[in-house]
Amino acid sequence: MSEVKRRTAGRPPGPGKSASGHSQSLVRGLNLLERLAATPGGLALSELAEMVDLAPSTTHRLLQALQGQGFVTQDGELGVWKIDVKTFRIGNSFLEARDFVATSRPFLRRLTAQTGETANLGIRDGARAVFLAQSESPQMMRMITRLGSRAPLHASGVGKALMAWLPDDEFERVLAERGLERVTENTLHTPETLRANLAEVRQQGFACDREEHAIGLHCVAACVHDQHGTPLAAISVSGPVARIPEARLLELGELVRETAAEITARLGGHVPSAQQQAAEA
């Protein structure tokens, strides 16, 4: 290698743009994508700038760069900004890489065929559940969750099914991060009532959401575990109280629990016992 090449190899960026400047722009651009992904209807430039705490001119410059790469688009009539097809492709590649999502889809469809209700699959992200897959009910009045949407762990069937198997220290971190916001009048909003409910979830193998996330909606959910017995995901069946009354929760809960155990086995995982989980907590 020549002397000149040795000097230029690993040379820091020139005066035009520092490495930290590039990193800052990248983080800001990703923040914009995250905000737009959470708002399917799109956002006006002024709204988006305020949400990410940037000047409108800076926000517009970043959006134009993202638009040039196909990550965002601007609605010609409304003028709002939305995510574009390349962002969808990247998100979809995440789902394809998670084998359990593809493995679970036939089981979700089977649950819908068996129950007539919508079946969902979600994972834990911090103190929230994120929904990744769905099989819609054929009923005219049905529960539909937008893929990628989030729900508090303590106030959703999928969330409680995941939360029930967390070690104590992780459970405390979730409480510290989000607290126990009361989403409806039925939400479990004290640590004591939540702990008691999660102990019941571990004992029976499924969680019930009795209008805790949305009034008029019941849900049952069970956890899918990996090879270490750690929560990997959770599946659920949800529908209006009129079709899933209290008397039907036990029946559906057992069905969802058995289906989650099938998925766990297909993935090479195992379901820990409530006693084992208590000993490891």
Protein backbone atom coordinates (compact mmCIF):
# COMPACT_ATOMS: atom_id res chain seq x y z
CA MET A 1 0.00 0.00 0.00
CA SER A 2 1.39 3.42 -0.91
CA GLU A 3 2.07 6.14 1.63
CA VAL A 4 -0.83 8.19 0.27
CA LYS A 5 -3.24 5.27 0.57
CA ARG A 6 -2.09 4.54 4.11
CA ARG A 7 -2.88 8.09 5.09
CA THR A 8 -6.35 8.06 3.51
CA ALA A 9 -7.47 4.67 4.81
CA GLY A 10 -9.81 5.25 7.71
CA ARG A 11 -9.58 9.03 7.23
CA PRO A 12 -12.40 10.84 9.08
CA PRO A 13 -15.00 12.68 6.99
CA GLY A 14 -13.96 15.98 5.53
CA PRO A 15 -15.29 19.37 6.57
CA GLY A 16 -18.50 18.95 4.55
CA LYS A 17 -20.21 16.61 7.02
CA SER A 18 -19.08 15.00 10.26
CA ALA A 19 -19.79 11.38 11.16
CA SER A 20 -21.92 12.55 14.07
CA GLY A 21 -23.87 14.77 11.66
CA HIS A 22 -24.63 11.81 9.43
CA SER A 23 -25.70 9.76 12.46
CA GLN A 24 -27.96 12.53 13.70
CA SER A 25 -29.67 12.81 10.31
CA LEU A 26 -30.15 9.05 10.20
CA VAL A 27 -31.74 8.97 13.66
CA ARG A 28 -33.99 11.89 12.76
CA GLY A 29 -35.07 10.20 9.54
CA LEU A 30 -35.86 6.97 11.38
CA ASN A 31 -37.90 8.93 13.93
CA LEU A 32 -39.93 10.42 11.08
CA LEU A 33 -40.58 6.95 9.63
CA GLU A 34 -41.67 5.66 13.03
CA ARG A 35 -44.16 8.51 13.48
CA LEU A 36 -45.57 8.07 9.97
CA ALA A 37 -45.86 4.30 10.38
CA ALA A 38 -47.96 4.86 13.50
CA THR A 39 -50.35 7.17 11.58
CA PRO A 40 -51.83 5.38 8.54
CA GLY A 41 -53.79 8.47 7.48
CA GLY A 42 -50.61 10.48 7.16
CA LEU A 43 -49.36 13.66 8.82
CA ALA A 44 -48.99 17.25 7.71
CA LEU A 45 -45.48 18.69 7.70
CA SER A 46 -46.24 21.01 10.64
CA GLU A 47 -47.70 18.14 12.72
CA LEU A 48 -44.75 15.88 12.01
CA ALA A 49 -42.21 18.61 12.77
CA GLU A 50 -43.86 19.29 16.11
CA MET A 51 -43.99 15.58 17.01
CA VAL A 52 -40.26 15.07 16.44
CA ASP A 53 -39.30 18.51 17.77
CA LEU A 54 -37.59 19.71 14.59
CA ALA A 55 -37.88 22.85 12.51
CA PRO A 56 -40.30 22.45 9.57
CA SER A 57 -37.46 23.22 7.14
CA THR A 58 -35.29 20.44 8.59
CA THR A 59 -38.23 18.06 8.63
CA HIS A 60 -39.02 18.84 5.01
CA ARG A 61 -35.41 18.28 3.95
CA LEU A 62 -35.35 14.87 5.64
CA LEU A 63 -38.72 13.91 4.12
CA GLN A 64 -37.50 14.82 0.65
CA ALA A 65 -34.44 12.58 1.14
CA LEU A 66 -36.67 9.71 2.30
CA GLN A 67 -39.05 10.33 -0.59
CA GLY A 68 -36.19 10.16 -3.05
CA GLN A 69 -35.38 6.66 -1.77
CA GLY A 70 -39.01 5.48 -1.87
CA PHE A 71 -39.56 5.33 1.91
CA VAL A 72 -42.23 8.04 2.13
CA THR A 73 -44.66 9.74 -0.21
CA GLN A 74 -46.73 12.90 -0.15
CA ASP A 75 -50.44 12.83 -0.88
CA GLY A 76 -51.02 15.18 -3.80
CA GLU A 77 -54.50 16.30 -2.68
CA LEU A 78 -54.19 16.47 1.08
CA GLY A 79 -50.50 17.31 1.23
CA VAL A 80 -49.92 14.87 4.07
CA TRP A 81 -46.90 12.58 4.26
CA LYS A 82 -47.22 8.80 4.47
CA ILE A 83 -44.94 5.78 4.45
CA ASP A 84 -44.32 4.34 0.97
CA VAL A 85 -43.81 0.87 -0.45
CA LYS A 86 -40.12 0.47 0.45
CA THR A 87 -40.88 0.94 4.15
CA PHE A 88 -43.55 -1.76 3.83
CA ARG A 89 -41.07 -4.12 2.16
CA ILE A 90 -38.57 -3.69 4.98
CA GLY A 91 -41.25 -4.32 7.58
CA ASN A 92 -42.45 -7.35 5.68
CA SER A 93 -38.92 -8.77 5.51
CA PHE A 94 -38.85 -8.62 9.32
CA LEU A 95 -41.98 -10.77 9.45
CA GLU A 96 -40.56 -13.23 6.95
CA ALA A 97 -37.38 -13.52 8.99
CA ARG A 98 -39.36 -14.39 12.11
CA ASP A 99 -40.19 -18.04 11.40
CA PHE A 100 -42.82 -18.18 14.12
CA VAL A 101 -45.01 -15.69 12.24
CA ALA A 102 -45.16 -17.86 9.11
CA THR A 103 -45.55 -20.99 11.22
CA SER A 104 -48.45 -19.46 13.14
CA ARG A 105 -50.52 -18.25 10.18
CA PRO A 106 -52.23 -21.62 9.39
CA PHE A 107 -53.09 -21.99 13.08
CA LEU A 108 -54.64 -18.50 13.15
CA ARG A 109 -56.77 -19.36 10.12
CA ARG A 110 -57.83 -22.60 11.78
CA LEU A 111 -58.83 -20.73 14.94
CA THR A 112 -60.99 -18.38 12.89
CA ALA A 113 -62.63 -21.34 11.14
CA GLN A 114 -63.28 -23.04 14.49
CA THR A 115 -64.57 -20.00 16.37
CA GLY A 116 -65.88 -17.62 13.71
CA GLU A 117 -63.85 -14.86 15.34
CA THR A 118 -60.71 -12.88 14.56
CA ALA A 119 -57.41 -14.49 15.58
CA ASN A 120 -54.25 -12.46 16.20
CA LEU A 121 -50.58 -12.98 16.89
CA GLY A 122 -48.49 -10.47 18.80
CA ILE A 123 -45.11 -10.05 20.43
CA ARG A 124 -43.82 -8.00 23.33
CA ASP A 125 -41.97 -4.74 22.74
CA GLY A 126 -41.06 -3.26 26.10
CA ALA A 127 -44.29 -2.59 27.98
CA ARG A 128 -46.53 -3.03 24.94
CA ALA A 129 -47.80 -5.81 22.73
CA VAL A 130 -47.32 -5.39 18.97
CA PHE A 131 -49.65 -7.22 16.57
CA LEU A 132 -47.90 -8.93 13.65
CA ALA A 133 -50.44 -11.28 12.04
CA GLN A 134 -54.19 -11.68 11.85
CA SER A 135 -56.94 -13.92 10.51
CA GLU A 136 -60.13 -11.88 10.19
CA SER A 137 -63.54 -13.08 11.25
CA PRO A 138 -66.04 -13.49 8.40
CA GLN A 139 -68.72 -11.83 10.57
CA MET A 140 -69.95 -8.38 9.55
CA MET A 141 -69.35 -7.08 13.09
CA ARG A 142 -65.85 -8.18 13.96
CA MET A 143 -62.69 -7.15 15.75
CA ILE A 144 -59.91 -5.89 13.45
CA THR A 145 -56.49 -4.82 14.69
CA ARG A 146 -54.16 -2.93 12.36
CA LEU A 147 -50.92 -4.85 11.97
CA GLY A 148 -48.12 -3.02 13.73
CA SER A 149 -50.51 -1.44 16.22
CA ARG A 150 -49.74 -1.64 19.93
CA ALA A 151 -51.62 -2.27 23.16
CA PRO A 152 -50.52 -2.03 26.80
CA LEU A 153 -49.39 -5.40 28.17
CA HIS A 154 -51.57 -5.11 31.27
CA ALA A 155 -54.70 -4.13 29.33
CA SER A 156 -54.86 -6.73 26.55
CA GLY A 157 -55.25 -10.49 26.27
CA VAL A 158 -52.08 -10.94 24.21
CA GLY A 159 -50.21 -8.62 26.57
CA LYS A 160 -51.24 -10.45 29.74
CA ALA A 161 -50.48 -13.84 28.16
CA LEU A 162 -46.92 -12.58 27.53
CA MET A 163 -46.57 -10.74 30.81
CA ALA A 164 -47.61 -13.72 32.92
CA TRP A 165 -44.35 -15.55 32.20
CA LEU A 166 -41.96 -12.66 32.80
CA PRO A 167 -39.39 -12.94 35.62
CA ASP A 168 -40.13 -10.67 38.58
CA ASP A 169 -37.37 -8.18 37.74
CA GLU A 170 -38.67 -7.81 34.17
CA PHE A 171 -42.22 -7.43 35.46
CA GLU A 172 -41.07 -4.59 37.72
CA ARG A 173 -39.28 -2.90 34.78
CA VAL A 174 -42.51 -2.96 32.78
CA LEU A 175 -44.41 -1.36 35.66
CA ALA A 176 -41.71 1.29 36.06
CA GLU A 177 -41.66 2.04 32.32
CA ARG A 178 -45.38 2.40 31.63
CA GLY A 179 -47.29 2.19 34.90
CA LEU A 180 -50.79 0.72 34.84
CA GLU A 181 -52.82 3.21 32.85
CA ARG A 182 -56.56 2.64 33.09
CA VAL A 183 -57.70 2.16 29.48
CA THR A 184 -61.32 1.28 30.38
CA GLU A 185 -63.17 1.00 33.67
CA ASN A 186 -62.37 -2.74 33.63
CA THR A 187 -58.60 -2.40 33.22
CA LEU A 188 -56.52 -3.98 35.99
CA HIS A 189 -54.78 -0.87 37.27
CA THR A 190 -53.11 -1.89 40.54
CA PRO A 191 -50.05 -4.16 40.91
CA GLU A 192 -51.94 -6.39 43.37
CA THR A 193 -54.90 -7.13 41.09
CA LEU A 194 -52.61 -7.58 38.08
CA ARG A 195 -50.31 -10.01 39.92
CA ALA A 196 -53.29 -12.08 41.07
CA ASN A 197 -54.67 -12.18 37.54
CA LEU A 198 -51.34 -13.20 36.02
CA ALA A 199 -51.02 -16.03 38.57
CA GLU A 200 -54.39 -17.25 37.30
CA VAL A 201 -53.14 -16.97 33.70
CA ARG A 202 -50.16 -19.19 34.50
CA GLN A 203 -52.37 -21.71 36.28
CA GLN A 204 -54.99 -22.08 33.54
CA GLY A 205 -52.66 -21.45 30.60
CA PHE A 206 -54.55 -18.57 28.98
CA ALA A 207 -55.45 -14.94 29.64
CA CYS A 208 -58.85 -13.29 29.44
CA ASP A 209 -59.45 -9.68 28.50
CA ARG A 210 -62.90 -8.79 29.82
CA GLU A 211 -63.47 -5.40 28.18
CA GLU A 212 -60.16 -4.26 29.65
CA HIS A 213 -58.85 -2.78 26.42
CA ALA A 214 -62.11 -1.88 24.67
CA ILE A 215 -65.66 -1.80 25.97
CA GLY A 216 -67.82 -4.41 24.25
CA LEU A 217 -64.85 -6.64 23.35
CA HIS A 218 -63.76 -9.93 24.92
CA CYS A 219 -60.51 -11.71 24.16
CA VAL A 220 -58.69 -14.89 25.18
CA ALA A 221 -54.96 -15.38 24.55
CA ALA A 222 -52.19 -17.88 25.21
CA CYS A 223 -48.41 -17.70 25.04
CA VAL A 224 -46.12 -19.35 22.49
CA HIS A 225 -42.77 -20.30 24.07
CA ASP A 226 -39.29 -20.84 22.65
CA GLN A 227 -36.92 -23.71 23.40
CA HIS A 228 -36.02 -22.17 26.75
CA GLY A 229 -39.65 -21.75 27.80
CA THR A 230 -39.34 -17.98 27.32
CA PRO A 231 -42.34 -16.06 25.90
CA LEU A 232 -41.87 -15.74 22.15
CA ALA A 233 -45.30 -14.51 21.08
CA ALA A 234 -48.97 -14.89 21.98
CA ILE A 235 -52.06 -15.76 19.96
CA SER A 236 -55.60 -14.65 20.69
CA VAL A 237 -59.22 -14.89 19.66
CA SER A 238 -61.27 -11.71 20.01
CA GLY A 239 -64.83 -10.70 19.35
CA PRO A 240 -67.83 -8.75 20.60
CA VAL A 241 -69.23 -9.61 24.03
CA ALA A 242 -72.52 -10.54 22.36
CA ARG A 243 -70.82 -13.51 20.66
CA ILE A 244 -68.18 -14.20 23.33
CA PRO A 245 -70.06 -13.98 26.63
CA GLU A 246 -68.48 -14.92 29.93
CA ALA A 247 -69.74 -18.50 29.57
CA ARG A 248 -67.77 -18.96 26.33
CA LEU A 249 -64.44 -17.61 27.59
CA LEU A 250 -63.39 -20.89 29.20
CA GLU A 251 -64.20 -22.91 26.07
CA LEU A 252 -62.27 -20.54 23.80
CA GLY A 253 -59.44 -20.20 26.30
CA GLU A 254 -58.82 -23.95 26.28
CA LEU A 255 -58.88 -24.00 22.48
CA VAL A 256 -56.41 -21.11 22.21
CA ARG A 257 -54.16 -22.67 24.87
CA GLU A 258 -54.05 -25.97 22.97
CA THR A 259 -53.33 -24.16 19.70
CA ALA A 260 -50.51 -22.14 21.28
CA ALA A 261 -49.03 -25.39 22.62
CA GLU A 262 -49.16 -26.85 19.08
CA ILE A 263 -47.30 -23.85 17.67
CA THR A 264 -44.77 -24.05 20.52
CA ALA A 265 -44.15 -27.73 19.74
CA ARG A 266 -43.86 -27.03 16.00
CA LEU A 267 -41.17 -24.44 16.76
CA GLY A 268 -39.26 -26.79 19.05
CA GLY A 269 -40.21 -24.90 22.19
CA HIS A 270 -41.74 -26.03 25.44
CA VAL A 271 -44.39 -24.68 27.79
CA PRO A 272 -43.09 -24.22 31.37
CA SER A 273 -45.32 -25.14 34.28
CA ALA A 274 -46.64 -22.48 36.65
CA GLN A 275 -44.57 -24.06 39.43
CA GLN A 276 -41.40 -23.95 37.32
CA GLN A 277 -41.98 -20.30 36.47
CA ALA A 278 -42.52 -19.42 40.14
CA ALA A 279 -39.25 -21.17 41.09
CA GLU A 280 -37.29 -19.30 38.41
CA ALA A 281 -38.81 -15.86 39.16
